[in-house]
Amino acid sequence: MYYFEGNAVRKMDVAPRIEERPERKRERKVNPKIAKNARKARAFDVRYMMSLVIATGFLFVSCITMLMLEANVTEQRRQISSLERNLNMLTDSNNETSKRLESSVDLVQIYDFAVNDLGMGYPKNGQVVMYKASNPDYVKQFKDIPKE
């Protein structure tokens, strides 16, 4: 061990030991109104936290639902755009085919062939019979049409 001398040497155990006193328990008189308010405050904290947790959960579910719906709308818009492009292409193709077919048919030549070679003509009075069909777009005749 070393030995130190002088006034600059630190002294060991300079502070006197303090005896610990036993704590006195004070009997506090609590006002019943204060105790009641404290109980209400603790209950309010639990209710408040529960409602906050429920509101946060609802908000989270609402946000997720909104994002899913937004993604769904975006996907449907993309599909609509694709279908519109497809429709435009088919319409253009149909118009081109229709014009090509119309230009390939000569109606004057067909009329001349029907009148001159086949002996056809326009119907005369009394040759046209009007008939009411259930489907006016299409009639398939299986038997003679009744006169009345």
Protein backbone atom coordinates (compact mmCIF):
# COMPACT_ATOMS: atom_id res chain seq x y z
CA MET A 1 0.00 0.00 0.00
CA TYR A 2 1.04 3.56 -0.60
CA TYR A 3 1.17 6.23 1.97
CA PHE A 4 0.20 9.85 1.16
CA GLU A 5 0.85 12.93 3.23
CA GLY A 6 -0.24 16.54 2.96
CA ASN A 7 -3.36 18.56 2.76
CA ALA A 8 -4.15 17.65 -0.89
CA VAL A 9 -4.69 14.02 -0.08
CA ARG A 10 -8.22 12.81 -0.40
CA LYS A 11 -9.68 11.57 2.75
CA MET A 12 -11.62 8.38 2.87
CA ASP A 13 -15.06 8.42 4.53
CA VAL A 14 -15.25 12.15 5.03
CA ALA A 15 -19.00 12.39 5.28
CA PRO A 16 -20.50 11.08 8.46
CA ARG A 17 -22.91 8.22 8.11
CA ILE A 18 -26.54 9.21 8.26
CA GLU A 19 -28.78 6.91 10.09
CA GLU A 20 -31.86 6.09 8.20
CA ARG A 21 -35.00 6.97 9.99
CA PRO A 22 -38.01 4.86 9.55
CA GLU A 23 -40.55 6.62 7.40
CA ARG A 24 -43.67 7.76 9.05
CA LYS A 25 -46.79 6.80 7.30
CA ARG A 26 -49.18 9.62 7.28
CA GLU A 27 -52.77 8.78 7.12
CA ARG A 28 -54.10 11.13 4.53
CA LYS A 29 -57.70 11.96 4.57
CA VAL A 30 -58.90 11.77 1.00
CA ASN A 31 -61.90 13.79 0.06
CA PRO A 32 -64.57 11.44 -1.35
CA LYS A 33 -65.21 13.76 -4.29
CA ILE A 34 -61.52 13.70 -5.20
CA ALA A 35 -61.44 9.90 -4.97
CA LYS A 36 -64.54 9.67 -7.15
CA ASN A 37 -63.01 12.01 -9.76
CA ALA A 38 -59.78 9.98 -9.73
CA ARG A 39 -61.73 6.77 -10.38
CA LYS A 40 -63.61 8.48 -13.21
CA ALA A 41 -60.34 9.75 -14.69
CA ARG A 42 -58.83 6.25 -14.67
CA ALA A 43 -61.99 4.81 -16.24
CA PHE A 44 -62.01 7.61 -18.80
CA ASP A 45 -58.44 6.78 -19.73
CA VAL A 46 -59.36 3.15 -20.45
CA ARG A 47 -62.46 4.12 -22.43
CA TYR A 48 -60.56 6.83 -24.23
CA MET A 49 -57.76 4.44 -25.17
CA MET A 50 -60.23 1.81 -26.37
CA SER A 51 -62.12 4.30 -28.49
CA LEU A 52 -58.82 5.62 -29.84
CA VAL A 53 -57.68 2.10 -30.74
CA ILE A 54 -61.02 1.36 -32.44
CA ALA A 55 -60.94 4.66 -34.35
CA THR A 56 -57.36 3.99 -35.45
CA GLY A 57 -58.29 0.49 -36.62
CA PHE A 58 -61.29 1.82 -38.52
CA LEU A 59 -59.11 4.48 -40.14
CA PHE A 60 -56.51 1.87 -41.12
CA VAL A 61 -59.14 -0.44 -42.64
CA SER A 62 -60.73 2.52 -44.46
CA CYS A 63 -57.38 3.55 -45.94
CA ILE A 64 -56.59 0.02 -47.12
CA THR A 65 -60.07 -0.29 -48.65
CA MET A 66 -59.72 3.06 -50.40
CA LEU A 67 -56.33 2.07 -51.84
CA MET A 68 -57.74 -1.24 -53.08
CA LEU A 69 -60.71 0.51 -54.70
CA GLU A 70 -58.40 3.08 -56.31
CA ALA A 71 -56.26 0.27 -57.74
CA ASN A 72 -59.40 -1.46 -59.00
CA VAL A 73 -60.64 1.72 -60.71
CA THR A 74 -57.23 2.23 -62.32
CA GLU A 75 -57.23 -1.34 -63.63
CA GLN A 76 -60.77 -0.96 -65.01
CA ARG A 77 -59.82 2.29 -66.75
CA ARG A 78 -56.87 0.51 -68.34
CA GLN A 79 -59.15 -2.30 -69.51
CA ILE A 80 -61.70 0.19 -70.88
CA SER A 81 -58.98 1.98 -72.80
CA SER A 82 -57.76 -1.32 -74.25
CA LEU A 83 -61.30 -2.34 -75.23
CA GLU A 84 -61.95 1.06 -76.85
CA ARG A 85 -58.78 0.71 -78.92
CA ASN A 86 -59.89 -2.78 -79.96
CA LEU A 87 -63.39 -1.48 -80.83
CA ASN A 88 -61.92 1.35 -82.95
CA MET A 89 -59.71 -1.11 -84.81
CA LEU A 90 -62.66 -3.45 -85.47
CA THR A 91 -64.90 -0.55 -86.54
CA ASP A 92 -62.26 0.68 -88.99
CA SER A 93 -61.77 -2.84 -90.34
CA ASN A 94 -65.54 -3.31 -90.68
CA ASN A 95 -65.94 0.01 -92.51
CA GLU A 96 -63.09 -0.85 -94.90
CA THR A 97 -64.58 -4.29 -95.62
CA SER A 98 -68.05 -2.81 -96.12
CA LYS A 99 -66.75 -0.19 -98.59
CA ARG A 100 -64.76 -2.82 -100.43
CA LEU A 101 -67.83 -5.05 -100.75
CA GLU A 102 -70.05 -2.16 -101.84
CA SER A 103 -67.57 -1.12 -104.49
CA SER A 104 -67.22 -4.68 -105.79
CA VAL A 105 -70.99 -5.06 -106.43
CA ASP A 106 -72.42 -3.33 -109.49
CA LEU A 107 -76.16 -2.81 -108.85
CA VAL A 108 -76.88 -1.79 -112.47
CA GLN A 109 -75.44 -5.05 -113.75
CA ILE A 110 -77.53 -7.04 -111.23
CA TYR A 111 -80.70 -5.17 -112.28
CA ASP A 112 -80.01 -5.81 -115.98
CA PHE A 113 -79.38 -9.50 -115.35
CA ALA A 114 -82.58 -9.87 -113.26
CA VAL A 115 -84.83 -8.05 -115.75
CA ASN A 116 -83.36 -9.24 -119.06
CA ASP A 117 -82.09 -12.76 -118.35
CA LEU A 118 -84.39 -13.91 -115.53
CA GLY A 119 -87.51 -11.99 -116.60
CA MET A 120 -88.08 -10.40 -113.21
CA GLY A 121 -89.88 -7.09 -112.69
CA TYR A 122 -91.47 -4.89 -110.07
CA PRO A 123 -94.68 -6.27 -108.48
CA LYS A 124 -98.01 -5.00 -109.73
CA ASN A 125 -101.02 -3.99 -107.64
CA GLY A 126 -102.49 -6.94 -105.74
CA GLN A 127 -99.30 -9.04 -105.92
CA VAL A 128 -97.94 -7.75 -102.58
CA VAL A 129 -99.40 -9.48 -99.52
CA MET A 130 -98.84 -7.82 -96.12
CA TYR A 131 -98.26 -10.22 -93.25
CA LYS A 132 -97.76 -9.51 -89.52
CA ALA A 133 -94.94 -11.58 -88.12
CA SER A 134 -94.03 -12.05 -84.46
CA ASN A 135 -90.43 -11.21 -85.29
CA PRO A 136 -90.33 -8.52 -88.02
CA ASP A 137 -86.60 -8.98 -88.63
CA TYR A 138 -86.75 -12.61 -89.73
CA VAL A 139 -89.48 -14.74 -91.30
CA LYS A 140 -89.08 -18.40 -92.20
CA GLN A 141 -91.99 -19.75 -94.28
CA PHE A 142 -93.01 -23.34 -93.62
CA LYS A 143 -96.50 -23.17 -95.19
CA ASP A 144 -98.59 -20.79 -97.28
CA ILE A 145 -99.39 -17.38 -95.85
CA PRO A 146 -103.10 -17.06 -95.01
CA LYS A 147 -105.10 -14.59 -97.19
CA GLU A 148 -106.68 -12.84 -94.17
